[in-house]
PDB file of all heavy atoms in Angstrom:
ATOM      1  N   LEU A   1      36.285  42.989 -59.931  1.00  0.00           N
ATOM      2  CA  LEU A   1      37.178  41.857 -60.087  1.00  0.00           C
ATOM      3  C   LEU A   1      36.712  41.024 -61.263  1.00  0.00           C
ATOM      4  O   LEU A   1      37.554  40.458 -61.989  1.00  0.00           O
ATOM      5  CB  LEU A   1      37.219  41.045 -58.917  1.00  0.00           C
ATOM      6  CG  LEU A   1      37.896  41.632 -57.642  1.00  0.00           C
ATOM      7  CD1 LEU A   1      37.699  40.720 -56.440  1.00  0.00           C
ATOM      8  CD2 LEU A   1      39.513  41.755 -57.916  1.00  0.00           C
ATOM      9  N   PHE A   2      35.368  40.846 -61.436  1.00  0.00           N
ATOM     10  CA  PHE A   2      34.909  39.901 -62.409  1.00  0.00           C
ATOM     11  C   PHE A   2      34.009  40.522 -63.531  1.00  0.00           C
ATOM     12  O   PHE A   2      33.406  39.816 -64.241  1.00  0.00           O
ATOM     13  CB  PHE A   2      34.120  38.811 -61.677  1.00  0.00           C
ATOM     14  CG  PHE A   2      34.910  38.141 -60.568  1.00  0.00           C
ATOM     15  CD1 PHE A   2      34.665  38.339 -59.209  1.00  0.00           C
ATOM     16  CD2 PHE A   2      36.098  37.391 -60.956  1.00  0.00           C
ATOM     17  CE1 PHE A   2      35.483  37.794 -58.277  1.00  0.00           C
ATOM     18  CE2 PHE A   2      36.821  36.792 -60.009  1.00  0.00           C
ATOM     19  CZ  PHE A   2      36.494  37.024 -58.599  1.00  0.00           C
ATOM     20  N   GLY A   3      34.011  41.811 -63.631  1.00  0.00           N
ATOM     21  CA  GLY A   3      33.299  42.491 -64.680  1.00  0.00           C
ATOM     22  C   GLY A   3      31.820  42.371 -64.616  1.00  0.00           C
ATOM     23  O   GLY A   3      31.182  42.311 -65.642  1.00  0.00           O
ATOM     24  N   LEU A   4      31.277  42.372 -63.360  1.00  0.00           N
ATOM     25  CA  LEU A   4      29.852  42.392 -63.174  1.00  0.00           C
ATOM     26  C   LEU A   4      29.327  43.879 -63.098  1.00  0.00           C
ATOM     27  O   LEU A   4      29.846  44.635 -62.441  1.00  0.00           O
ATOM     28  CB  LEU A   4      29.421  41.604 -61.917  1.00  0.00           C
ATOM     29  CG  LEU A   4      29.914  40.152 -61.898  1.00  0.00           C
ATOM     30  CD1 LEU A   4      29.698  39.500 -60.531  1.00  0.00           C
ATOM     31  CD2 LEU A   4      29.257  39.332 -62.984  1.00  0.00           C
ATOM     32  N   GLU A   5      28.211  44.115 -63.833  1.00  0.00           N
ATOM     33  CA  GLU A   5      27.680  45.452 -63.735  1.00  0.00           C
ATOM     34  C   GLU A   5      27.065  45.768 -62.403  1.00  0.00           C
ATOM     35  O   GLU A   5      27.289  46.923 -61.964  1.00  0.00           O
ATOM     36  CB  GLU A   5      26.590  45.637 -64.801  1.00  0.00           C
ATOM     37  CG  GLU A   5      27.106  45.622 -66.210  1.00  0.00           C
ATOM     38  CD  GLU A   5      26.047  45.761 -67.329  1.00  0.00           C
ATOM     39  OE1 GLU A   5      24.952  46.211 -66.953  1.00  0.00           O
ATOM     40  OE2 GLU A   5      26.224  45.339 -68.383  1.00  0.00           O
ATOM     41  N   GLU A   6      26.430  44.812 -61.831  1.00  0.00           N
ATOM     42  CA  GLU A   6      25.894  45.015 -60.467  1.00  0.00           C
ATOM     43  C   GLU A   6      25.830  43.658 -59.812  1.00  0.00           C
ATOM     44  O   GLU A   6      25.882  42.599 -60.395  1.00  0.00           O
ATOM     45  CB  GLU A   6      24.492  45.626 -60.548  1.00  0.00           C
ATOM     46  CG  GLU A   6      23.479  44.750 -61.244  1.00  0.00           C
ATOM     47  CD  GLU A   6      22.025  45.227 -61.182  1.00  0.00           C
ATOM     48  OE1 GLU A   6      21.603  45.654 -60.163  1.00  0.00           O
ATOM     49  OE2 GLU A   6      21.443  45.369 -62.269  1.00  0.00           O
ATOM     50  N   LEU A   7      25.579  43.711 -58.483  1.00  0.00           N
ATOM     51  CA  LEU A   7      25.358  42.459 -57.711  1.00  0.00           C
ATOM     52  C   LEU A   7      23.920  42.323 -57.342  1.00  0.00           C
ATOM     53  O   LEU A   7      23.446  43.210 -56.554  1.00  0.00           O
ATOM     54  CB  LEU A   7      26.285  42.439 -56.502  1.00  0.00           C
ATOM     55  CG  LEU A   7      27.708  42.165 -56.808  1.00  0.00           C
ATOM     56  CD1 LEU A   7      28.539  42.145 -55.525  1.00  0.00           C
ATOM     57  CD2 LEU A   7      27.965  40.919 -57.644  1.00  0.00           C
ATOM     58  N   SER A   8      23.278  41.422 -57.809  1.00  0.00           N
ATOM     59  CA  SER A   8      21.887  41.148 -57.301  1.00  0.00           C
ATOM     60  C   SER A   8      21.894  39.565 -57.073  1.00  0.00           C
ATOM     61  O   SER A   8      22.761  38.830 -57.660  1.00  0.00           O
ATOM     62  CB  SER A   8      20.853  41.459 -58.348  1.00  0.00           C
ATOM     63  OG  SER A   8      21.031  40.813 -59.671  1.00  0.00           O
ATOM     64  N   PHE A   9      20.958  39.097 -56.326  1.00  0.00           N
ATOM     65  CA  PHE A   9      20.956  37.749 -55.937  1.00  0.00           C
ATOM     66  C   PHE A   9      19.694  37.098 -56.215  1.00  0.00           C
ATOM     67  O   PHE A   9      18.576  37.610 -56.018  1.00  0.00           O
ATOM     68  CB  PHE A   9      21.204  37.592 -54.365  1.00  0.00           C
ATOM     69  CG  PHE A   9      22.566  38.157 -54.010  1.00  0.00           C
ATOM     70  CD1 PHE A   9      22.753  39.449 -53.657  1.00  0.00           C
ATOM     71  CD2 PHE A   9      23.664  37.387 -54.063  1.00  0.00           C
ATOM     72  CE1 PHE A   9      23.938  40.040 -53.313  1.00  0.00           C
ATOM     73  CE2 PHE A   9      24.949  37.811 -53.729  1.00  0.00           C
ATOM     74  CZ  PHE A   9      25.058  39.173 -53.358  1.00  0.00           C
ATOM     75  N   GLY A  10      19.734  35.958 -56.954  1.00  0.00           N
ATOM     76  CA  GLY A  10      18.575  35.158 -57.301  1.00  0.00           C
ATOM     77  C   GLY A  10      17.844  35.676 -58.526  1.00  0.00           C
ATOM     78  O   GLY A  10      16.790  35.188 -58.842  1.00  0.00           O
ATOM     79  N   THR A  11      18.423  36.658 -59.269  1.00  0.00           N
ATOM     80  CA  THR A  11      17.859  37.127 -60.450  1.00  0.00           C
ATOM     81  C   THR A  11      18.495  36.449 -61.726  1.00  0.00           C
ATOM     82  O   THR A  11      19.648  35.954 -61.589  1.00  0.00           O
ATOM     83  CB  THR A  11      17.908  38.631 -60.486  1.00  0.00           C
ATOM     84  OG1 THR A  11      19.338  38.980 -60.724  1.00  0.00           O
ATOM     85  CG2 THR A  11      17.340  39.318 -59.330  1.00  0.00           C
ATOM     86  N   PRO A  12      17.892  36.499 -62.879  1.00  0.00           N
ATOM     87  CA  PRO A  12      18.527  35.909 -64.043  1.00  0.00           C
ATOM     88  C   PRO A  12      19.975  36.503 -64.317  1.00  0.00           C
ATOM     89  O   PRO A  12      20.808  35.821 -64.859  1.00  0.00           O
ATOM     90  CB  PRO A  12      17.570  36.227 -65.137  1.00  0.00           C
ATOM     91  CG  PRO A  12      16.258  36.380 -64.448  1.00  0.00           C
ATOM     92  CD  PRO A  12      16.512  36.953 -63.154  1.00  0.00           C
ATOM     93  N   GLN A  13      20.104  37.840 -63.991  1.00  0.00           N
ATOM     94  CA  GLN A  13      21.424  38.440 -64.181  1.00  0.00           C
ATOM     95  C   GLN A  13      22.286  38.517 -62.949  1.00  0.00           C
ATOM     96  O   GLN A  13      23.385  39.242 -62.943  1.00  0.00           O
ATOM     97  CB  GLN A  13      21.263  39.875 -64.840  1.00  0.00           C
ATOM     98  CG  GLN A  13      20.579  39.809 -66.129  1.00  0.00           C
ATOM     99  CD  GLN A  13      21.330  39.125 -67.268  1.00  0.00           C
ATOM    100  OE1 GLN A  13      22.479  39.273 -67.316  1.00  0.00           O
ATOM    101  NE2 GLN A  13      20.670  38.227 -67.953  1.00  0.00           N
ATOM    102  N   GLY A  14      21.888  37.829 -61.957  1.00  0.00           N
ATOM    103  CA  GLY A  14      22.651  37.916 -60.665  1.00  0.00           C
ATOM    104  C   GLY A  14      23.349  36.661 -60.192  1.00  0.00           C
ATOM    105  O   GLY A  14      23.584  35.744 -60.976  1.00  0.00           O
ATOM    106  N   LEU A  15      23.805  36.731 -58.983  1.00  0.00           N
ATOM    107  CA  LEU A  15      24.449  35.567 -58.363  1.00  0.00           C
ATOM    108  C   LEU A  15      23.448  34.713 -57.601  1.00  0.00           C
ATOM    109  O   LEU A  15      22.489  35.205 -56.957  1.00  0.00           O
ATOM    110  CB  LEU A  15      25.381  36.107 -57.262  1.00  0.00           C
ATOM    111  CG  LEU A  15      26.440  37.182 -57.743  1.00  0.00           C
ATOM    112  CD1 LEU A  15      27.214  37.647 -56.557  1.00  0.00           C
ATOM    113  CD2 LEU A  15      27.366  36.567 -58.816  1.00  0.00           C
ATOM    114  N   TRP A  16      23.642  33.390 -57.807  1.00  0.00           N
ATOM    115  CA  TRP A  16      22.641  32.468 -57.108  1.00  0.00           C
ATOM    116  C   TRP A  16      23.540  31.637 -56.146  1.00  0.00           C
ATOM    117  O   TRP A  16      24.387  30.807 -56.405  1.00  0.00           O
ATOM    118  CB  TRP A  16      22.177  31.465 -58.226  1.00  0.00           C
ATOM    119  CG  TRP A  16      21.245  32.104 -59.237  1.00  0.00           C
ATOM    120  CD1 TRP A  16      21.167  33.384 -59.581  1.00  0.00           C
ATOM    121  CD2 TRP A  16      20.300  31.423 -59.964  1.00  0.00           C
ATOM    122  NE1 TRP A  16      20.285  33.624 -60.557  1.00  0.00           N
ATOM    123  CE2 TRP A  16      19.727  32.406 -60.830  1.00  0.00           C
ATOM    124  CE3 TRP A  16      19.862  30.126 -60.076  1.00  0.00           C
ATOM    125  CZ2 TRP A  16      18.621  32.044 -61.734  1.00  0.00           C
ATOM    126  CZ3 TRP A  16      18.828  29.757 -60.945  1.00  0.00           C
ATOM    127  CH2 TRP A  16      18.256  30.800 -61.705  1.00  0.00           C
ATOM    128  N   PRO A  17      23.253  31.893 -54.852  1.00  0.00           N
ATOM    129  CA  PRO A  17      23.966  31.093 -53.863  1.00  0.00           C
ATOM    130  C   PRO A  17      23.547  29.671 -53.908  1.00  0.00           C
ATOM    131  O   PRO A  17      22.294  29.356 -53.826  1.00  0.00           O
ATOM    132  CB  PRO A  17      23.545  31.726 -52.446  1.00  0.00           C
ATOM    133  CG  PRO A  17      22.307  32.483 -52.769  1.00  0.00           C
ATOM    134  CD  PRO A  17      22.281  32.849 -54.272  1.00  0.00           C
ATOM    135  N   ILE A  18      24.468  28.705 -54.104  1.00  0.00           N
ATOM    136  CA  ILE A  18      24.092  27.368 -54.253  1.00  0.00           C
ATOM    137  C   ILE A  18      24.690  26.345 -53.186  1.00  0.00           C
ATOM    138  O   ILE A  18      24.222  25.264 -53.091  1.00  0.00           O
ATOM    139  CB  ILE A  18      24.471  26.798 -55.749  1.00  0.00           C
ATOM    140  CG1 ILE A  18      25.927  26.966 -56.051  1.00  0.00           C
ATOM    141  CG2 ILE A  18      23.636  27.547 -56.725  1.00  0.00           C
ATOM    142  CD1 ILE A  18      26.414  26.301 -57.266  1.00  0.00           C
ATOM    143  N   ALA A  19      25.770  26.918 -52.462  1.00  0.00           N
ATOM    144  CA  ALA A  19      26.209  26.020 -51.473  1.00  0.00           C
ATOM    145  C   ALA A  19      27.112  26.874 -50.537  1.00  0.00           C
ATOM    146  O   ALA A  19      27.467  27.955 -50.820  1.00  0.00           O
ATOM    147  CB  ALA A  19      27.192  24.934 -52.038  1.00  0.00           C
ATOM    148  N   SER A  20      27.237  26.323 -49.299  1.00  0.00           N
ATOM    149  CA  SER A  20      28.215  26.954 -48.336  1.00  0.00           C
ATOM    150  C   SER A  20      28.933  25.806 -47.671  1.00  0.00           C
ATOM    151  O   SER A  20      28.549  24.736 -47.653  1.00  0.00           O
ATOM    152  CB  SER A  20      27.406  27.789 -47.335  1.00  0.00           C
ATOM    153  OG  SER A  20      26.558  27.038 -46.555  1.00  0.00           O
ATOM    154  N   THR A  21      30.138  26.065 -47.120  1.00  0.00           N
ATOM    155  CA  THR A  21      30.931  25.057 -46.482  1.00  0.00           C
ATOM    156  C   THR A  21      31.057  25.303 -45.000  1.00  0.00           C
ATOM    157  O   THR A  21      30.600  26.292 -44.500  1.00  0.00           O
ATOM    158  CB  THR A  21      32.396  25.169 -47.117  1.00  0.00           C
ATOM    159  OG1 THR A  21      33.009  26.338 -46.565  1.00  0.00           O
ATOM    160  CG2 THR A  21      32.391  25.214 -48.585  1.00  0.00           C
ATOM    161  N   ASP A  22      31.562  24.247 -44.342  1.00  0.00           N
ATOM    162  CA  ASP A  22      31.720  24.341 -42.918  1.00  0.00           C
ATOM    163  C   ASP A  22      32.851  25.323 -42.505  1.00  0.00           C
ATOM    164  O   ASP A  22      33.019  25.522 -41.325  1.00  0.00           O
ATOM    165  CB  ASP A  22      31.926  22.911 -42.287  1.00  0.00           C
ATOM    166  CG  ASP A  22      33.243  22.296 -42.809  1.00  0.00           C
ATOM    167  OD1 ASP A  22      33.845  22.781 -43.888  1.00  0.00           O
ATOM    168  OD2 ASP A  22      33.615  21.228 -42.267  1.00  0.00           O
ATOM    169  N   ARG A  23      33.481  25.906 -43.458  1.00  0.00           N
ATOM    170  CA  ARG A  23      34.540  26.782 -43.144  1.00  0.00           C
ATOM    171  C   ARG A  23      34.168  28.247 -43.510  1.00  0.00           C
ATOM    172  O   ARG A  23      34.997  29.088 -43.493  1.00  0.00           O
ATOM    173  CB  ARG A  23      35.783  26.512 -43.942  1.00  0.00           C
ATOM    174  CG  ARG A  23      36.324  25.028 -43.518  1.00  0.00           C
ATOM    175  CD  ARG A  23      37.642  24.689 -44.247  1.00  0.00           C
ATOM    176  NE  ARG A  23      37.577  24.916 -45.651  1.00  0.00           N
ATOM    177  CZ  ARG A  23      38.702  25.113 -46.369  1.00  0.00           C
ATOM    178  NH1 ARG A  23      39.820  24.960 -45.797  1.00  0.00           N
ATOM    179  NH2 ARG A  23      38.580  25.411 -47.717  1.00  0.00           N
ATOM    180  N   GLY A  24      32.922  28.466 -43.836  1.00  0.00           N
ATOM    181  CA  GLY A  24      32.432  29.813 -44.085  1.00  0.00           C
ATOM    182  C   GLY A  24      32.355  30.291 -45.486  1.00  0.00           C
ATOM    183  O   GLY A  24      32.019  31.397 -45.785  1.00  0.00           O
ATOM    184  N   GLU A  25      32.839  29.447 -46.476  1.00  0.00           N
ATOM    185  CA  GLU A  25      32.886  29.895 -47.800  1.00  0.00           C
ATOM    186  C   GLU A  25      31.333  29.675 -48.427  1.00  0.00           C
ATOM    187  O   GLU A  25      30.609  28.895 -47.979  1.00  0.00           O
ATOM    188  CB  GLU A  25      33.757  29.030 -48.655  1.00  0.00           C
ATOM    189  CG  GLU A  25      35.209  29.168 -48.305  1.00  0.00           C
ATOM    190  CD  GLU A  25      35.873  27.797 -48.052  1.00  0.00           C
ATOM    191  OE1 GLU A  25      35.254  26.865 -47.904  1.00  0.00           O
ATOM    192  OE2 GLU A  25      37.142  27.811 -48.085  1.00  0.00           O
ATOM    193  N   THR A  26      31.021  30.672 -49.335  1.00  0.00           N
ATOM    194  CA  THR A  26      29.811  30.623 -49.986  1.00  0.00           C
ATOM    195  C   THR A  26      30.116  30.487 -51.484  1.00  0.00           C
ATOM    196  O   THR A  26      30.901  31.203 -51.994  1.00  0.00           O
ATOM    197  CB  THR A  26      28.952  31.839 -49.714  1.00  0.00           C
ATOM    198  OG1 THR A  26      28.814  32.009 -48.300  1.00  0.00           O
ATOM    199  CG2 THR A  26      27.543  31.801 -50.330  1.00  0.00           C
ATOM    200  N   VAL A  27      29.378  29.508 -52.153  1.00  0.00           N
ATOM    201  CA  VAL A  27      29.550  29.328 -53.550  1.00  0.00           C
ATOM    202  C   VAL A  27      28.380  29.896 -54.308  1.00  0.00           C
ATOM    203  O   VAL A  27      27.220  29.511 -53.953  1.00  0.00           O
ATOM    204  CB  VAL A  27      29.665  27.774 -53.938  1.00  0.00           C
ATOM    205  CG1 VAL A  27      29.929  27.570 -55.369  1.00  0.00           C
ATOM    206  CG2 VAL A  27      30.809  27.220 -53.039  1.00  0.00           C
ATOM    207  N   PHE A  28      28.610  30.689 -55.304  1.00  0.00           N
ATOM    208  CA  PHE A  28      27.648  31.363 -56.064  1.00  0.00           C
ATOM    209  C   PHE A  28      27.620  30.857 -57.544  1.00  0.00           C
ATOM    210  O   PHE A  28      28.804  30.813 -58.098  1.00  0.00           O
ATOM    211  CB  PHE A  28      27.672  32.874 -56.154  1.00  0.00           C
ATOM    212  CG  PHE A  28      27.518  33.488 -54.744  1.00  0.00           C
ATOM    213  CD1 PHE A  28      28.598  33.754 -53.973  1.00  0.00           C
ATOM    214  CD2 PHE A  28      26.300  33.887 -54.204  1.00  0.00           C
ATOM    215  CE1 PHE A  28      28.508  34.356 -52.703  1.00  0.00           C
ATOM    216  CE2 PHE A  28      26.200  34.461 -52.995  1.00  0.00           C
ATOM    217  CZ  PHE A  28      27.278  34.755 -52.183  1.00  0.00           C
ATOM    218  N   LEU A  29      26.496  30.645 -58.120  1.00  0.00           N
ATOM    219  CA  LEU A  29      26.588  30.377 -59.654  1.00  0.00           C
ATOM    220  C   LEU A  29      26.318  31.734 -60.275  1.00  0.00           C
ATOM    221  O   LEU A  29      25.501  32.520 -59.873  1.00  0.00           O
ATOM    222  CB  LEU A  29      25.375  29.380 -59.918  1.00  0.00           C
ATOM    223  CG  LEU A  29      25.090  29.098 -61.477  1.00  0.00           C
ATOM    224  CD1 LEU A  29      26.220  28.427 -62.103  1.00  0.00           C
ATOM    225  CD2 LEU A  29      23.769  28.376 -61.618  1.00  0.00           C
ATOM    226  N   VAL A  30      27.028  31.973 -61.295  1.00  0.00           N
ATOM    227  CA  VAL A  30      26.945  33.246 -62.034  1.00  0.00           C
ATOM    228  C   VAL A  30      26.692  32.870 -63.542  1.00  0.00           C
ATOM    229  O   VAL A  30      27.430  32.212 -64.212  1.00  0.00           O
ATOM    230  CB  VAL A  30      28.302  34.074 -62.071  1.00  0.00           C
ATOM    231  CG1 VAL A  30      28.170  35.365 -62.818  1.00  0.00           C
ATOM    232  CG2 VAL A  30      28.731  34.326 -60.613  1.00  0.00           C
ATOM    233  N   ALA A  31      25.459  33.210 -63.958  1.00  0.00           N
ATOM    234  CA  ALA A  31      25.032  32.936 -65.240  1.00  0.00           C
ATOM    235  C   ALA A  31      24.764  34.185 -66.022  1.00  0.00           C
ATOM    236  O   ALA A  31      24.302  34.145 -67.187  1.00  0.00           O
ATOM    237  CB  ALA A  31      23.748  32.017 -65.243  1.00  0.00           C
ATOM    238  N   ALA A  32      25.040  35.324 -65.536  1.00  0.00           N
ATOM    239  CA  ALA A  32      24.778  36.677 -66.074  1.00  0.00           C
ATOM    240  C   ALA A  32      25.512  36.922 -67.484  1.00  0.00           C
ATOM    241  O   ALA A  32      26.680  37.102 -67.525  1.00  0.00           O
ATOM    242  CB  ALA A  32      25.082  37.785 -65.174  1.00  0.00           C
ATOM    243  N   GLY A  33      24.724  36.784 -68.569  1.00  0.00           N
ATOM    244  CA  GLY A  33      25.252  37.174 -69.864  1.00  0.00           C
ATOM    245  C   GLY A  33      26.363  36.364 -70.375  1.00  0.00           C
ATOM    246  O   GLY A  33      27.181  36.814 -71.183  1.00  0.00           O
ATOM    247  N   THR A  34      26.524  35.150 -69.894  1.00  0.00           N
ATOM    248  CA  THR A  34      27.599  34.296 -70.401  1.00  0.00           C
ATOM    249  C   THR A  34      27.063  33.027 -71.029  1.00  0.00           C
ATOM    250  O   THR A  34      25.981  32.521 -70.666  1.00  0.00           O
ATOM    251  CB  THR A  34      28.590  33.877 -69.254  1.00  0.00           C
ATOM    252  OG1 THR A  34      27.813  33.110 -68.245  1.00  0.00           O
ATOM    253  CG2 THR A  34      29.161  35.090 -68.597  1.00  0.00           C
ATOM    254  N   ALA A  35      27.766  32.492 -71.937  1.00  0.00           N
ATOM    255  CA  ALA A  35      27.364  31.244 -72.593  1.00  0.00           C
ATOM    256  C   ALA A  35      27.528  30.025 -71.656  1.00  0.00           C
ATOM    257  O   ALA A  35      26.642  29.147 -71.667  1.00  0.00           O
ATOM    258  CB  ALA A  35      28.246  30.923 -73.866  1.00  0.00           C
ATOM    259  N   ALA A  36      28.486  30.060 -70.841  1.00  0.00           N
ATOM    260  CA  ALA A  36      28.737  29.023 -69.865  1.00  0.00           C
ATOM    261  C   ALA A  36      28.770  29.579 -68.492  1.00  0.00           C
ATOM    262  O   ALA A  36      29.495  30.521 -68.262  1.00  0.00           O
ATOM    263  CB  ALA A  36      29.999  28.266 -70.136  1.00  0.00           C
ATOM    264  N   PRO A  37      27.937  29.117 -67.569  1.00  0.00           N
ATOM    265  CA  PRO A  37      27.960  29.653 -66.155  1.00  0.00           C
ATOM    266  C   PRO A  37      29.280  29.312 -65.540  1.00  0.00           C
ATOM    267  O   PRO A  37      29.936  28.465 -65.887  1.00  0.00           O
ATOM    268  CB  PRO A  37      26.810  28.883 -65.526  1.00  0.00           C
ATOM    269  CG  PRO A  37      26.082  28.241 -66.602  1.00  0.00           C
ATOM    270  CD  PRO A  37      26.887  28.145 -67.778  1.00  0.00           C
ATOM    271  N   TRP A  38      29.615  30.105 -64.544  1.00  0.00           N
ATOM    272  CA  TRP A  38      30.778  29.872 -63.725  1.00  0.00           C
ATOM    273  C   TRP A  38      30.587  30.120 -62.276  1.00  0.00           C
ATOM    274  O   TRP A  38      29.420  30.560 -61.940  1.00  0.00           O
ATOM    275  CB  TRP A  38      32.006  30.745 -64.207  1.00  0.00           C
ATOM    276  CG  TRP A  38      31.646  32.286 -64.504  1.00  0.00           C
ATOM    277  CD1 TRP A  38      31.048  32.829 -65.635  1.00  0.00           C
ATOM    278  CD2 TRP A  38      31.812  33.347 -63.713  1.00  0.00           C
ATOM    279  NE1 TRP A  38      30.923  34.204 -65.548  1.00  0.00           N
ATOM    280  CE2 TRP A  38      31.364  34.533 -64.363  1.00  0.00           C
ATOM    281  CE3 TRP A  38      32.430  33.471 -62.398  1.00  0.00           C
ATOM    282  CZ2 TRP A  38      31.402  35.786 -63.772  1.00  0.00           C
ATOM    283  CZ3 TRP A  38      32.482  34.745 -61.781  1.00  0.00           C
ATOM    284  CH2 TRP A  38      32.016  35.927 -62.419  1.00  0.00           C
ATOM    285  N   LEU A  39      31.458  29.793 -61.473  1.00  0.00           N
ATOM    286  CA  LEU A  39      31.217  29.918 -60.033  1.00  0.00           C
ATOM    287  C   LEU A  39      32.102  31.004 -59.406  1.00  0.00           C
ATOM    288  O   LEU A  39      33.224  31.235 -59.846  1.00  0.00           O
ATOM    289  CB  LEU A  39      31.666  28.507 -59.363  1.00  0.00           C
ATOM    290  CG  LEU A  39      30.897  27.345 -59.831  1.00  0.00           C
ATOM    291  CD1 LEU A  39      31.455  26.133 -59.255  1.00  0.00           C
ATOM    292  CD2 LEU A  39      29.403  27.405 -59.473  1.00  0.00           C
ATOM    293  N   LEU A  40      31.524  31.621 -58.395  1.00  0.00           N
ATOM    294  CA  LEU A  40      32.218  32.652 -57.623  1.00  0.00           C
ATOM    295  C   LEU A  40      32.184  32.142 -56.196  1.00  0.00           C
ATOM    296  O   LEU A  40      31.133  31.812 -55.639  1.00  0.00           O
ATOM    297  CB  LEU A  40      31.463  33.989 -57.831  1.00  0.00           C
ATOM    298  CG  LEU A  40      32.085  35.217 -57.243  1.00  0.00           C
ATOM    299  CD1 LEU A  40      33.433  35.475 -57.917  1.00  0.00           C
ATOM    300  CD2 LEU A  40      31.110  36.356 -57.542  1.00  0.00           C
ATOM    301  N   VAL A  41      33.318  32.201 -55.535  1.00  0.00           N
ATOM    302  CA  VAL A  41      33.393  31.692 -54.154  1.00  0.00           C
ATOM    303  C   VAL A  41      33.858  32.842 -53.292  1.00  0.00           C
ATOM    304  O   VAL A  41      34.888  33.551 -53.576  1.00  0.00           O
ATOM    305  CB  VAL A  41      34.370  30.520 -53.977  1.00  0.00           C
ATOM    306  CG1 VAL A  41      34.458  30.026 -52.593  1.00  0.00           C
ATOM    307  CG2 VAL A  41      34.021  29.357 -54.868  1.00  0.00           C
ATOM    308  N   GLU A  42      33.160  33.105 -52.234  1.00  0.00           N
ATOM    309  CA  GLU A  42      33.577  34.124 -51.222  1.00  0.00           C
ATOM    310  C   GLU A  42      33.857  33.433 -49.976  1.00  0.00           C
ATOM    311  O   GLU A  42      33.127  32.467 -49.516  1.00  0.00           O
ATOM    312  CB  GLU A  42      32.286  35.052 -50.961  1.00  0.00           C
ATOM    313  CG  GLU A  42      32.731  36.428 -50.269  1.00  0.00           C
ATOM    314  CD  GLU A  42      32.492  36.171 -48.763  1.00  0.00           C
ATOM    315  OE1 GLU A  42      31.655  35.424 -48.277  1.00  0.00           O
ATOM    316  OE2 GLU A  42      33.272  36.953 -48.021  1.00  0.00           O
ATOM    317  N   ASP A  43      34.982  33.786 -49.331  1.00  0.00           N
ATOM    318  CA  ASP A  43      35.518  32.950 -48.210  1.00  0.00           C
ATOM    319  C   ASP A  43      35.037  33.392 -46.823  1.00  0.00           C
ATOM    320  O   ASP A  43      35.568  32.903 -45.816  1.00  0.00           O
ATOM    321  CB  ASP A  43      37.052  32.956 -48.243  1.00  0.00           C
ATOM    322  CG  ASP A  43      37.677  34.273 -47.901  1.00  0.00           C
ATOM    323  OD1 ASP A  43      36.930  35.309 -47.704  1.00  0.00           O
ATOM    324  OD2 ASP A  43      38.930  34.278 -47.711  1.00  0.00           O
ATOM    325  N   GLY A  44      34.184  34.326 -46.793  1.00  0.00           N
ATOM    326  CA  GLY A  44      33.638  34.800 -45.397  1.00  0.00           C
ATOM    327  C   GLY A  44      34.309  36.021 -45.015  1.00  0.00           C
ATOM    328  O   GLY A  44      34.013  36.575 -44.024  1.00  0.00           O
ATOM    329  N   GLU A  45      35.461  36.376 -45.682  1.00  0.00           N
ATOM    330  CA  GLU A  45      36.203  37.540 -45.266  1.00  0.00           C
ATOM    331  C   GLU A  45      36.359  38.492 -46.479  1.00  0.00           C
ATOM    332  O   GLU A  45      37.371  39.181 -46.577  1.00  0.00           O
ATOM    333  CB  GLU A  45      37.520  37.102 -44.774  1.00  0.00           C
ATOM    334  CG  GLU A  45      37.482  36.280 -43.566  1.00  0.00           C
ATOM    335  CD  GLU A  45      38.847  35.755 -42.963  1.00  0.00           C
ATOM    336  OE1 GLU A  45      39.832  36.260 -43.494  1.00  0.00           O
ATOM    337  OE2 GLU A  45      38.817  34.918 -42.115  1.00  0.00           O
TER     338      GLU A  45
END
């Protein structure tokens, strides 16, 4: 969906979980190979 080569967590090229909500969503910071980081949200499903 987002053009990521692989999914790793907490690595310089991976997803960094930075928050979760009371509704089950998890917010990840994505800094892999981009000039500006962006956020990826997974809704628990």
